Amino acid sequence: MPSDADRIAAQLASLPRRALTWRGTRAAVLVALCGQETSHEEPRVLLTKRAAGMRHHGGQYAFPGGRCDPTDRDAIHTALREADEEVGLDPSRARVLGMLDDHTTSTGFLVTPVVAWVEGPVVWRRSEVEVAEVLELPLRAFLTPQPARTLAGEGFRRIVMAYEVDGHFIWGATSSMLRDLARRLAPLFP
């Protein structure tokens, strides 16, 4: 019987991916699925809560990732480098399984989500400058989209697609990427 990682890689490869052309700032994130193939537990999704003092999206939940550096070979290199910097993930521990659709953000980034399997257990070493908290949340919690929510802030109200999992409110580009992941993987985890 194929492993979860093998099944996920085959499923991602079987579906077309939307790659966008962009002249703005490119970025990549690591959508790490964490698990132990021998435990028969369902995979968990690695997320970070960004440090409150971050210039963009402080206090929000995100995948490890960031801007593509000129020395990065590709989006995979960017995602793995950023995950190493933010949560201490040794790139050799990540088995890249595929990529999700490119996403544009309200801050002008084109983000390529790179999906990888990380065999656990892992001891995360967060960057205290960038990351307030490292989380592993159950993949199953994201497989069924939750209803739209109204997000109210200082002087604005907006309707957002979001997930609330174990008290963590995940919205914005991260929520959009999780919806793409769910659309692709839901057939594997009925």
N, C-alpha and C. Protein backbone atom coordinates (compact mmCIF):
# COMPACT_ATOMS: atom_id res chain seq x y z
N MET A 1 0.85 -1.19 0.00
CA MET A 1 0.00 0.00 0.00
C MET A 1 0.89 1.25 0.00
N PRO A 2 0.59 2.21 -0.89
CA PRO A 2 1.41 3.42 -0.94
C PRO A 2 1.27 4.24 0.35
N SER A 3 2.32 4.95 0.69
CA SER A 3 2.31 5.81 1.87
C SER A 3 1.44 7.04 1.61
N ASP A 4 1.08 7.76 2.69
CA ASP A 4 0.34 9.02 2.52
C ASP A 4 1.12 9.96 1.62
N ALA A 5 2.43 10.06 1.83
CA ALA A 5 3.25 10.97 1.02
C ALA A 5 3.18 10.58 -0.46
N ASP A 6 3.26 9.29 -0.76
CA ASP A 6 3.19 8.84 -2.15
C ASP A 6 1.83 9.14 -2.77
N ARG A 7 0.77 8.91 -1.99
CA ARG A 7 -0.59 9.17 -2.48
C ARG A 7 -0.79 10.66 -2.74
N ILE A 8 -0.30 11.50 -1.83
CA ILE A 8 -0.44 12.95 -1.99
C ILE A 8 0.35 13.43 -3.20
N ALA A 9 1.57 12.93 -3.37
CA ALA A 9 2.39 13.32 -4.53
C ALA A 9 1.69 12.94 -5.83
N ALA A 10 1.12 11.74 -5.89
CA ALA A 10 0.42 11.30 -7.11
C ALA A 10 -0.82 12.16 -7.37
N GLN A 11 -1.54 12.49 -6.31
CA GLN A 11 -2.74 13.32 -6.46
C GLN A 11 -2.37 14.72 -6.96
N LEU A 12 -1.35 15.31 -6.38
CA LEU A 12 -0.92 16.65 -6.82
C LEU A 12 -0.46 16.62 -8.28
N ALA A 13 0.25 15.58 -8.67
CA ALA A 13 0.75 15.47 -10.04
C ALA A 13 -0.38 15.27 -11.05
N SER A 14 -1.51 14.71 -10.59
CA SER A 14 -2.61 14.40 -11.50
C SER A 14 -3.49 15.60 -11.82
N LEU A 15 -3.34 16.69 -11.07
CA LEU A 15 -4.20 17.85 -11.27
C LEU A 15 -3.38 19.03 -11.82
N PRO A 16 -3.96 19.77 -12.78
CA PRO A 16 -3.22 20.91 -13.32
C PRO A 16 -3.01 21.99 -12.26
N ARG A 17 -1.93 22.72 -12.42
CA ARG A 17 -1.55 23.77 -11.49
C ARG A 17 -1.54 25.11 -12.24
N ARG A 18 -2.09 26.15 -11.63
CA ARG A 18 -2.11 27.48 -12.25
C ARG A 18 -0.82 28.22 -11.87
N ALA A 19 0.04 28.42 -12.85
CA ALA A 19 1.27 29.19 -12.64
C ALA A 19 1.07 30.55 -13.31
N LEU A 20 1.21 31.61 -12.53
CA LEU A 20 0.97 32.95 -13.04
C LEU A 20 2.26 33.64 -13.46
N THR A 21 2.14 34.54 -14.45
CA THR A 21 3.26 35.39 -14.86
C THR A 21 3.13 36.68 -14.06
N TRP A 22 4.25 37.16 -13.55
CA TRP A 22 4.20 38.30 -12.63
C TRP A 22 5.46 39.12 -12.75
N ARG A 23 5.31 40.41 -12.76
CA ARG A 23 6.49 41.29 -12.79
C ARG A 23 6.79 41.86 -11.42
N GLY A 24 5.92 41.59 -10.46
CA GLY A 24 6.11 42.10 -9.10
C GLY A 24 7.02 41.21 -8.29
N THR A 25 6.81 41.22 -7.00
CA THR A 25 7.66 40.48 -6.07
C THR A 25 7.20 39.04 -5.96
N ARG A 26 8.13 38.12 -6.20
CA ARG A 26 7.82 36.69 -6.09
C ARG A 26 8.19 36.21 -4.70
N ALA A 27 7.40 35.25 -4.22
CA ALA A 27 7.64 34.64 -2.91
C ALA A 27 7.23 33.17 -2.99
N ALA A 28 7.61 32.42 -1.97
CA ALA A 28 7.21 31.02 -1.89
C ALA A 28 7.00 30.66 -0.43
N VAL A 29 6.09 29.73 -0.21
CA VAL A 29 5.83 29.22 1.14
C VAL A 29 5.93 27.71 1.12
N LEU A 30 6.21 27.14 2.29
CA LEU A 30 6.26 25.69 2.42
C LEU A 30 4.99 25.21 3.11
N VAL A 31 4.19 24.46 2.37
CA VAL A 31 3.00 23.82 2.91
C VAL A 31 3.45 22.44 3.37
N ALA A 32 3.93 22.39 4.60
CA ALA A 32 4.51 21.14 5.12
C ALA A 32 3.41 20.29 5.75
N LEU A 33 3.34 19.06 5.27
CA LEU A 33 2.43 18.07 5.85
C LEU A 33 3.30 17.16 6.72
N CYS A 34 2.99 17.14 7.99
CA CYS A 34 3.81 16.43 8.96
C CYS A 34 3.12 15.14 9.37
N GLY A 35 3.90 14.09 9.45
CA GLY A 35 3.32 12.82 9.88
C GLY A 35 4.38 11.77 10.10
N GLN A 36 3.91 10.63 10.57
CA GLN A 36 4.77 9.47 10.74
C GLN A 36 4.12 8.34 9.97
N GLU A 37 4.77 7.91 8.91
CA GLU A 37 4.19 6.88 8.04
C GLU A 37 3.88 5.59 8.80
N THR A 38 4.61 5.32 9.86
CA THR A 38 4.40 4.07 10.59
C THR A 38 3.31 4.17 11.65
N SER A 39 2.80 5.37 11.94
CA SER A 39 1.84 5.53 13.03
C SER A 39 0.39 5.43 12.60
N HIS A 40 0.11 5.53 11.33
CA HIS A 40 -1.24 5.50 10.78
C HIS A 40 -2.07 6.70 11.24
N GLU A 41 -1.42 7.74 11.76
CA GLU A 41 -2.13 8.98 12.08
C GLU A 41 -2.24 9.80 10.82
N GLU A 42 -3.30 10.59 10.74
CA GLU A 42 -3.46 11.46 9.57
C GLU A 42 -2.47 12.61 9.65
N PRO A 43 -2.10 13.14 8.49
CA PRO A 43 -1.12 14.23 8.46
C PRO A 43 -1.62 15.49 9.17
N ARG A 44 -0.66 16.29 9.58
CA ARG A 44 -0.91 17.59 10.18
C ARG A 44 -0.28 18.66 9.29
N VAL A 45 -0.83 19.86 9.34
CA VAL A 45 -0.34 20.99 8.53
C VAL A 45 0.47 21.91 9.44
N LEU A 46 1.67 22.23 8.99
CA LEU A 46 2.54 23.15 9.73
C LEU A 46 2.14 24.59 9.43
N LEU A 47 1.87 25.35 10.48
CA LEU A 47 1.59 26.78 10.35
C LEU A 47 2.39 27.53 11.41
N THR A 48 2.61 28.80 11.15
CA THR A 48 3.24 29.66 12.14
C THR A 48 2.29 30.81 12.46
N LYS A 49 2.42 31.31 13.67
CA LYS A 49 1.77 32.58 14.00
C LYS A 49 2.89 33.60 13.94
N ARG A 50 2.72 34.57 13.06
CA ARG A 50 3.77 35.56 12.84
C ARG A 50 3.92 36.45 14.07
N ALA A 51 5.14 36.84 14.34
CA ALA A 51 5.42 37.72 15.47
C ALA A 51 4.66 39.03 15.28
N ALA A 52 4.17 39.58 16.37
CA ALA A 52 3.34 40.80 16.33
C ALA A 52 4.07 41.97 15.68
N GLY A 53 5.39 42.04 15.81
CA GLY A 53 6.15 43.17 15.28
C GLY A 53 6.52 43.08 13.81
N MET A 54 6.07 42.04 13.12
CA MET A 54 6.41 41.90 11.70
C MET A 54 5.74 43.00 10.87
N ARG A 55 6.44 43.48 9.85
CA ARG A 55 5.95 44.58 9.01
C ARG A 55 4.67 44.18 8.27
N HIS A 56 4.62 42.96 7.75
CA HIS A 56 3.44 42.46 7.03
C HIS A 56 2.78 41.36 7.85
N HIS A 57 1.50 41.51 8.11
CA HIS A 57 0.66 40.45 8.68
C HIS A 57 1.09 39.98 10.07
N GLY A 58 1.62 40.88 10.89
CA GLY A 58 2.01 40.52 12.25
C GLY A 58 0.83 39.93 13.02
N GLY A 59 1.08 38.85 13.76
CA GLY A 59 0.05 38.19 14.56
C GLY A 59 -0.85 37.26 13.78
N GLN A 60 -0.69 37.18 12.46
CA GLN A 60 -1.54 36.31 11.65
C GLN A 60 -0.87 34.95 11.45
N TYR A 61 -1.68 33.99 11.04
CA TYR A 61 -1.19 32.64 10.78
C TYR A 61 -0.74 32.53 9.33
N ALA A 62 0.36 31.83 9.13
CA ALA A 62 0.93 31.72 7.79
C ALA A 62 1.74 30.43 7.68
N PHE A 63 2.03 30.08 6.45
CA PHE A 63 3.00 29.02 6.20
C PHE A 63 4.39 29.65 6.31
N PRO A 64 5.40 28.88 6.67
CA PRO A 64 6.76 29.43 6.60
C PRO A 64 7.06 29.81 5.15
N GLY A 65 7.66 30.95 4.97
CA GLY A 65 7.99 31.37 3.60
C GLY A 65 8.32 32.84 3.53
N GLY A 66 8.60 33.28 2.31
CA GLY A 66 8.93 34.68 2.13
C GLY A 66 9.40 34.99 0.73
N ARG A 67 9.95 36.16 0.60
CA ARG A 67 10.41 36.71 -0.68
C ARG A 67 11.51 35.83 -1.29
N CYS A 68 11.46 35.68 -2.60
CA CYS A 68 12.51 34.97 -3.32
C CYS A 68 13.76 35.85 -3.37
N ASP A 69 14.86 35.32 -2.93
CA ASP A 69 16.14 36.02 -3.02
C ASP A 69 16.76 35.79 -4.39
N PRO A 70 17.59 36.72 -4.87
CA PRO A 70 18.23 36.53 -6.18
C PRO A 70 19.08 35.26 -6.25
N THR A 71 19.57 34.78 -5.11
CA THR A 71 20.40 33.58 -5.12
C THR A 71 19.59 32.28 -5.05
N ASP A 72 18.28 32.39 -4.84
CA ASP A 72 17.45 31.18 -4.80
C ASP A 72 17.33 30.60 -6.21
N ARG A 73 17.46 29.28 -6.30
CA ARG A 73 17.38 28.61 -7.60
C ARG A 73 15.96 28.64 -8.16
N ASP A 74 14.97 28.48 -7.27
CA ASP A 74 13.57 28.40 -7.69
C ASP A 74 12.69 28.54 -6.46
N ALA A 75 11.37 28.39 -6.66
CA ALA A 75 10.42 28.53 -5.55
C ALA A 75 10.65 27.47 -4.48
N ILE A 76 11.04 26.28 -4.88
CA ILE A 76 11.30 25.22 -3.91
C ILE A 76 12.45 25.63 -3.00
N HIS A 77 13.51 26.15 -3.58
CA HIS A 77 14.67 26.59 -2.80
C HIS A 77 14.26 27.70 -1.82
N THR A 78 13.45 28.65 -2.30
CA THR A 78 12.98 29.74 -1.44
C THR A 78 12.18 29.18 -0.26
N ALA A 79 11.22 28.32 -0.54
CA ALA A 79 10.35 27.78 0.51
C ALA A 79 11.16 27.01 1.56
N LEU A 80 12.10 26.19 1.11
CA LEU A 80 12.91 25.41 2.05
C LEU A 80 13.86 26.30 2.85
N ARG A 81 14.45 27.31 2.19
CA ARG A 81 15.34 28.23 2.89
C ARG A 81 14.58 28.99 3.96
N GLU A 82 13.41 29.49 3.62
CA GLU A 82 12.61 30.26 4.57
C GLU A 82 12.13 29.38 5.73
N ALA A 83 11.75 28.14 5.45
CA ALA A 83 11.32 27.23 6.53
C ALA A 83 12.47 26.94 7.48
N ASP A 84 13.67 26.83 6.94
CA ASP A 84 14.85 26.64 7.79
C ASP A 84 15.05 27.87 8.68
N GLU A 85 14.94 29.06 8.10
CA GLU A 85 15.14 30.30 8.86
C GLU A 85 14.05 30.50 9.92
N GLU A 86 12.80 30.21 9.57
CA GLU A 86 11.68 30.53 10.46
C GLU A 86 11.40 29.48 11.53
N VAL A 87 11.50 28.20 11.17
CA VAL A 87 11.12 27.15 12.13
C VAL A 87 12.21 26.10 12.33
N GLY A 88 13.39 26.31 11.72
CA GLY A 88 14.50 25.39 11.92
C GLY A 88 14.35 24.06 11.22
N LEU A 89 13.58 24.01 10.12
CA LEU A 89 13.41 22.76 9.38
C LEU A 89 14.62 22.53 8.48
N ASP A 90 15.35 21.46 8.75
CA ASP A 90 16.47 21.07 7.89
C ASP A 90 15.89 20.70 6.52
N PRO A 91 16.30 21.38 5.45
CA PRO A 91 15.73 21.09 4.13
C PRO A 91 15.81 19.62 3.72
N SER A 92 16.80 18.89 4.23
CA SER A 92 16.92 17.47 3.86
C SER A 92 15.79 16.63 4.46
N ARG A 93 15.06 17.16 5.42
CA ARG A 93 13.94 16.43 6.03
C ARG A 93 12.64 16.61 5.28
N ALA A 94 12.61 17.52 4.30
CA ALA A 94 11.39 17.81 3.55
C ALA A 94 11.43 17.10 2.20
N ARG A 95 10.44 16.27 1.96
CA ARG A 95 10.29 15.61 0.66
C ARG A 95 9.24 16.39 -0.14
N VAL A 96 9.70 17.10 -1.16
CA VAL A 96 8.78 17.92 -1.96
C VAL A 96 7.84 17.00 -2.74
N LEU A 97 6.53 17.29 -2.62
CA LEU A 97 5.50 16.46 -3.26
C LEU A 97 4.87 17.13 -4.47
N GLY A 98 4.94 18.45 -4.53
CA GLY A 98 4.33 19.18 -5.64
C GLY A 98 4.09 20.62 -5.25
N MET A 99 3.31 21.30 -6.07
CA MET A 99 3.00 22.71 -5.82
C MET A 99 1.51 22.94 -6.02
N LEU A 100 1.01 23.96 -5.33
CA LEU A 100 -0.37 24.39 -5.50
C LEU A 100 -0.40 25.55 -6.49
N ASP A 101 -1.61 26.06 -6.77
CA ASP A 101 -1.74 27.22 -7.65
C ASP A 101 -1.00 28.41 -7.07
N ASP A 102 -0.41 29.22 -7.95
CA ASP A 102 0.16 30.49 -7.52
C ASP A 102 -0.96 31.37 -6.98
N HIS A 103 -0.62 32.19 -5.98
CA HIS A 103 -1.59 33.10 -5.35
C HIS A 103 -1.02 34.51 -5.34
N THR A 104 -1.87 35.49 -5.60
CA THR A 104 -1.47 36.88 -5.45
C THR A 104 -2.00 37.38 -4.10
N THR A 105 -1.28 38.31 -3.50
CA THR A 105 -1.69 38.83 -2.19
C THR A 105 -2.01 40.32 -2.29
N SER A 106 -2.71 40.81 -1.29
CA SER A 106 -3.07 42.23 -1.25
C SER A 106 -1.84 43.12 -1.06
N THR A 107 -0.72 42.53 -0.65
CA THR A 107 0.51 43.30 -0.45
C THR A 107 1.43 43.25 -1.68
N GLY A 108 0.94 42.70 -2.80
CA GLY A 108 1.69 42.75 -4.05
C GLY A 108 2.65 41.61 -4.30
N PHE A 109 2.48 40.49 -3.62
CA PHE A 109 3.35 39.34 -3.84
C PHE A 109 2.65 38.30 -4.70
N LEU A 110 3.43 37.58 -5.49
CA LEU A 110 2.97 36.37 -6.16
C LEU A 110 3.62 35.22 -5.41
N VAL A 111 2.79 34.39 -4.77
CA VAL A 111 3.29 33.34 -3.88
C VAL A 111 3.08 31.98 -4.51
N THR A 112 4.16 31.18 -4.54
CA THR A 112 4.09 29.80 -4.99
C THR A 112 4.12 28.89 -3.76
N PRO A 113 3.02 28.17 -3.50
CA PRO A 113 3.00 27.23 -2.38
C PRO A 113 3.63 25.88 -2.78
N VAL A 114 4.65 25.49 -2.04
CA VAL A 114 5.36 24.23 -2.27
C VAL A 114 4.92 23.24 -1.21
N VAL A 115 4.36 22.11 -1.63
CA VAL A 115 3.87 21.10 -0.69
C VAL A 115 4.98 20.08 -0.45
N ALA A 116 5.22 19.78 0.82
CA ALA A 116 6.27 18.81 1.17
C ALA A 116 5.80 17.93 2.32
N TRP A 117 6.34 16.74 2.37
CA TRP A 117 6.12 15.81 3.48
C TRP A 117 7.30 15.92 4.43
N VAL A 118 7.00 16.05 5.72
CA VAL A 118 8.04 16.09 6.74
C VAL A 118 7.76 14.94 7.70
N GLU A 119 8.64 13.97 7.68
CA GLU A 119 8.49 12.82 8.55
C GLU A 119 8.83 13.24 9.98
N GLY A 120 7.91 12.94 10.89
CA GLY A 120 8.09 13.36 12.28
C GLY A 120 8.61 12.25 13.15
N PRO A 121 8.76 12.57 14.40
CA PRO A 121 8.48 13.86 15.00
C PRO A 121 9.61 14.87 14.71
N VAL A 122 9.24 16.15 14.79
CA VAL A 122 10.19 17.24 14.55
C VAL A 122 10.19 18.16 15.77
N VAL A 123 11.35 18.58 16.17
CA VAL A 123 11.47 19.61 17.20
C VAL A 123 11.69 20.92 16.46
N TRP A 124 10.69 21.80 16.52
CA TRP A 124 10.76 23.06 15.79
C TRP A 124 11.59 24.07 16.59
N ARG A 125 12.41 24.82 15.87
CA ARG A 125 13.22 25.89 16.47
C ARG A 125 12.82 27.20 15.78
N ARG A 126 11.90 27.91 16.42
CA ARG A 126 11.34 29.11 15.78
C ARG A 126 12.29 30.30 15.86
N SER A 127 12.22 31.12 14.84
CA SER A 127 12.92 32.41 14.85
C SER A 127 12.10 33.34 15.72
N GLU A 128 12.66 33.77 16.84
CA GLU A 128 11.90 34.63 17.75
C GLU A 128 11.58 35.98 17.14
N VAL A 129 12.35 36.39 16.15
CA VAL A 129 12.09 37.67 15.48
C VAL A 129 10.87 37.58 14.58
N GLU A 130 10.71 36.44 13.89
CA GLU A 130 9.66 36.30 12.89
C GLU A 130 8.44 35.51 13.35
N VAL A 131 8.62 34.58 14.28
CA VAL A 131 7.57 33.62 14.60
C VAL A 131 7.24 33.65 16.09
N ALA A 132 5.95 33.84 16.39
CA ALA A 132 5.50 33.82 17.79
C ALA A 132 5.19 32.40 18.24
N GLU A 133 4.71 31.56 17.30
CA GLU A 133 4.28 30.21 17.66
C GLU A 133 4.36 29.30 16.43
N VAL A 134 4.70 28.04 16.65
CA VAL A 134 4.71 27.02 15.59
C VAL A 134 3.61 26.02 15.92
N LEU A 135 2.77 25.73 14.93
CA LEU A 135 1.62 24.84 15.14
C LEU A 135 1.62 23.71 14.14
N GLU A 136 1.13 22.58 14.56
CA GLU A 136 0.78 21.49 13.65
C GLU A 136 -0.69 21.22 13.88
N LEU A 137 -1.53 21.54 12.89
CA LEU A 137 -2.97 21.35 13.00
C LEU A 137 -3.40 20.22 12.07
N PRO A 138 -4.45 19.47 12.45
CA PRO A 138 -4.86 18.32 11.64
C PRO A 138 -5.30 18.72 10.23
N LEU A 139 -4.75 18.03 9.24
CA LEU A 139 -5.13 18.28 7.84
C LEU A 139 -6.64 18.17 7.68
N ARG A 140 -7.26 17.21 8.33
CA ARG A 140 -8.70 16.98 8.18
C ARG A 140 -9.51 18.24 8.51
N ALA A 141 -9.01 19.07 9.42
CA ALA A 141 -9.74 20.29 9.81
C ALA A 141 -9.88 21.27 8.65
N PHE A 142 -9.06 21.13 7.64
CA PHE A 142 -9.08 22.05 6.50
C PHE A 142 -9.75 21.46 5.26
N LEU A 143 -10.13 20.19 5.31
CA LEU A 143 -10.66 19.54 4.12
C LEU A 143 -12.08 19.95 3.78
N THR A 144 -12.83 20.42 4.76
CA THR A 144 -14.18 20.93 4.52
C THR A 144 -14.17 22.42 4.77
N PRO A 145 -14.35 23.23 3.71
CA PRO A 145 -14.32 24.68 3.90
C PRO A 145 -15.40 25.13 4.90
N GLN A 146 -15.05 26.10 5.70
CA GLN A 146 -15.98 26.67 6.65
C GLN A 146 -16.67 27.87 5.99
N PRO A 147 -17.83 28.28 6.51
CA PRO A 147 -18.54 29.40 5.89
C PRO A 147 -17.76 30.70 6.01
N ALA A 148 -18.09 31.64 5.12
CA ALA A 148 -17.46 32.96 5.14
C ALA A 148 -17.73 33.65 6.47
N ARG A 149 -16.79 34.49 6.88
CA ARG A 149 -16.90 35.22 8.15
C ARG A 149 -16.79 36.71 7.87
N THR A 150 -17.35 37.49 8.77
CA THR A 150 -17.18 38.93 8.69
C THR A 150 -16.04 39.31 9.61
N LEU A 151 -15.06 39.98 9.06
CA LEU A 151 -13.90 40.43 9.83
C LEU A 151 -14.02 41.93 9.98
N ALA A 152 -14.07 42.38 11.23
CA ALA A 152 -14.19 43.82 11.51
C ALA A 152 -12.88 44.32 12.08
N GLY A 153 -12.43 45.46 11.57
CA GLY A 153 -11.21 46.09 12.06
C GLY A 153 -11.47 47.57 12.29
N GLU A 154 -10.42 48.29 12.51
CA GLU A 154 -10.57 49.73 12.72
C GLU A 154 -10.96 50.40 11.41
N GLY A 155 -12.22 50.78 11.31
CA GLY A 155 -12.69 51.49 10.13
C GLY A 155 -13.03 50.61 8.93
N PHE A 156 -13.09 49.29 9.10
CA PHE A 156 -13.46 48.46 7.96
C PHE A 156 -14.17 47.19 8.43
N ARG A 157 -14.93 46.65 7.50
CA ARG A 157 -15.56 45.33 7.66
C ARG A 157 -15.38 44.61 6.34
N ARG A 158 -15.00 43.36 6.39
CA ARG A 158 -14.88 42.62 5.14
C ARG A 158 -15.30 41.18 5.39
N ILE A 159 -15.80 40.59 4.34
CA ILE A 159 -16.18 39.18 4.39
C ILE A 159 -14.97 38.39 3.92
N VAL A 160 -14.57 37.41 4.71
CA VAL A 160 -13.37 36.63 4.38
C VAL A 160 -13.69 35.15 4.44
N MET A 161 -12.97 34.40 3.65
CA MET A 161 -13.00 32.95 3.74
C MET A 161 -11.93 32.60 4.78
N ALA A 162 -12.31 31.82 5.76
CA ALA A 162 -11.39 31.57 6.86
C ALA A 162 -11.64 30.19 7.44
N TYR A 163 -10.71 29.78 8.26
CA TYR A 163 -10.84 28.56 9.06
C TYR A 163 -10.63 28.94 10.51
N GLU A 164 -11.40 28.32 11.38
CA GLU A 164 -11.13 28.43 12.81
C GLU A 164 -10.89 27.01 13.30
N VAL A 165 -9.67 26.75 13.73
CA VAL A 165 -9.26 25.40 14.14
C VAL A 165 -8.60 25.50 15.51
N ASP A 166 -9.14 24.79 16.46
CA ASP A 166 -8.57 24.77 17.81
C ASP A 166 -8.30 26.17 18.35
N GLY A 167 -9.22 27.11 18.07
CA GLY A 167 -9.07 28.48 18.56
C GLY A 167 -8.17 29.37 17.74
N HIS A 168 -7.65 28.88 16.63
CA HIS A 168 -6.77 29.66 15.75
C HIS A 168 -7.58 30.12 14.53
N PHE A 169 -7.62 31.43 14.28
CA PHE A 169 -8.37 32.01 13.17
C PHE A 169 -7.42 32.26 12.00
N ILE A 170 -7.62 31.51 10.94
CA ILE A 170 -6.70 31.53 9.79
C ILE A 170 -7.47 32.08 8.59
N TRP A 171 -6.97 33.18 8.03
CA TRP A 171 -7.67 33.82 6.92
C TRP A 171 -6.66 34.36 5.91
N GLY A 172 -7.15 35.10 4.93
CA GLY A 172 -6.28 35.72 3.94
C GLY A 172 -5.68 34.73 2.96
N ALA A 173 -4.47 35.04 2.51
CA ALA A 173 -3.80 34.19 1.51
C ALA A 173 -3.59 32.78 2.04
N THR A 174 -3.31 32.66 3.34
CA THR A 174 -3.10 31.32 3.92
C THR A 174 -4.37 30.49 3.79
N SER A 175 -5.51 31.09 4.08
CA SER A 175 -6.78 30.39 3.95
C SER A 175 -7.03 29.99 2.49
N SER A 176 -6.72 30.88 1.56
CA SER A 176 -6.90 30.56 0.13
C SER A 176 -6.05 29.37 -0.28
N MET A 177 -4.81 29.35 0.20
CA MET A 177 -3.92 28.23 -0.14
C MET A 177 -4.42 26.94 0.50
N LEU A 178 -4.93 27.03 1.73
CA LEU A 178 -5.49 25.84 2.39
C LEU A 178 -6.71 25.32 1.64
N ARG A 179 -7.52 26.22 1.09
CA ARG A 179 -8.68 25.79 0.29
C ARG A 179 -8.21 25.06 -0.98
N ASP A 180 -7.16 25.56 -1.60
CA ASP A 180 -6.61 24.89 -2.78
C ASP A 180 -6.09 23.51 -2.40
N LEU A 181 -5.37 23.43 -1.29
CA LEU A 181 -4.87 22.14 -0.80
C LEU A 181 -6.04 21.19 -0.54
N ALA A 182 -7.09 21.68 0.11
CA ALA A 182 -8.25 20.85 0.43
C ALA A 182 -8.93 20.34 -0.84
N ARG A 183 -9.09 21.22 -1.81
CA ARG A 183 -9.72 20.82 -3.08
C ARG A 183 -8.96 19.66 -3.73
N ARG A 184 -7.65 19.72 -3.63
CA ARG A 184 -6.83 18.70 -4.27
C ARG A 184 -6.75 17.39 -3.45
N LEU A 185 -6.73 17.51 -2.11
CA LEU A 185 -6.49 16.33 -1.29
C LEU A 185 -7.73 15.68 -0.69
N ALA A 186 -8.87 16.38 -0.70
CA ALA A 186 -10.08 15.82 -0.07
C ALA A 186 -10.43 14.41 -0.58
N PRO A 187 -10.25 14.08 -1.87
CA PRO A 187 -10.57 12.72 -2.31
C PRO A 187 -9.72 11.64 -1.62
N LEU A 188 -8.56 12.00 -1.11
CA LEU A 188 -7.69 11.01 -0.47
C LEU A 188 -8.06 10.74 0.98
N PHE A 189 -8.79 11.67 1.59
CA PHE A 189 -9.12 11.56 3.01
C PHE A 189 -10.63 11.74 3.21
N PRO A 190 -11.41 10.76 2.72
CA PRO A 190 -12.90 10.90 2.79
C PRO A 190 -13.39 10.85 4.23
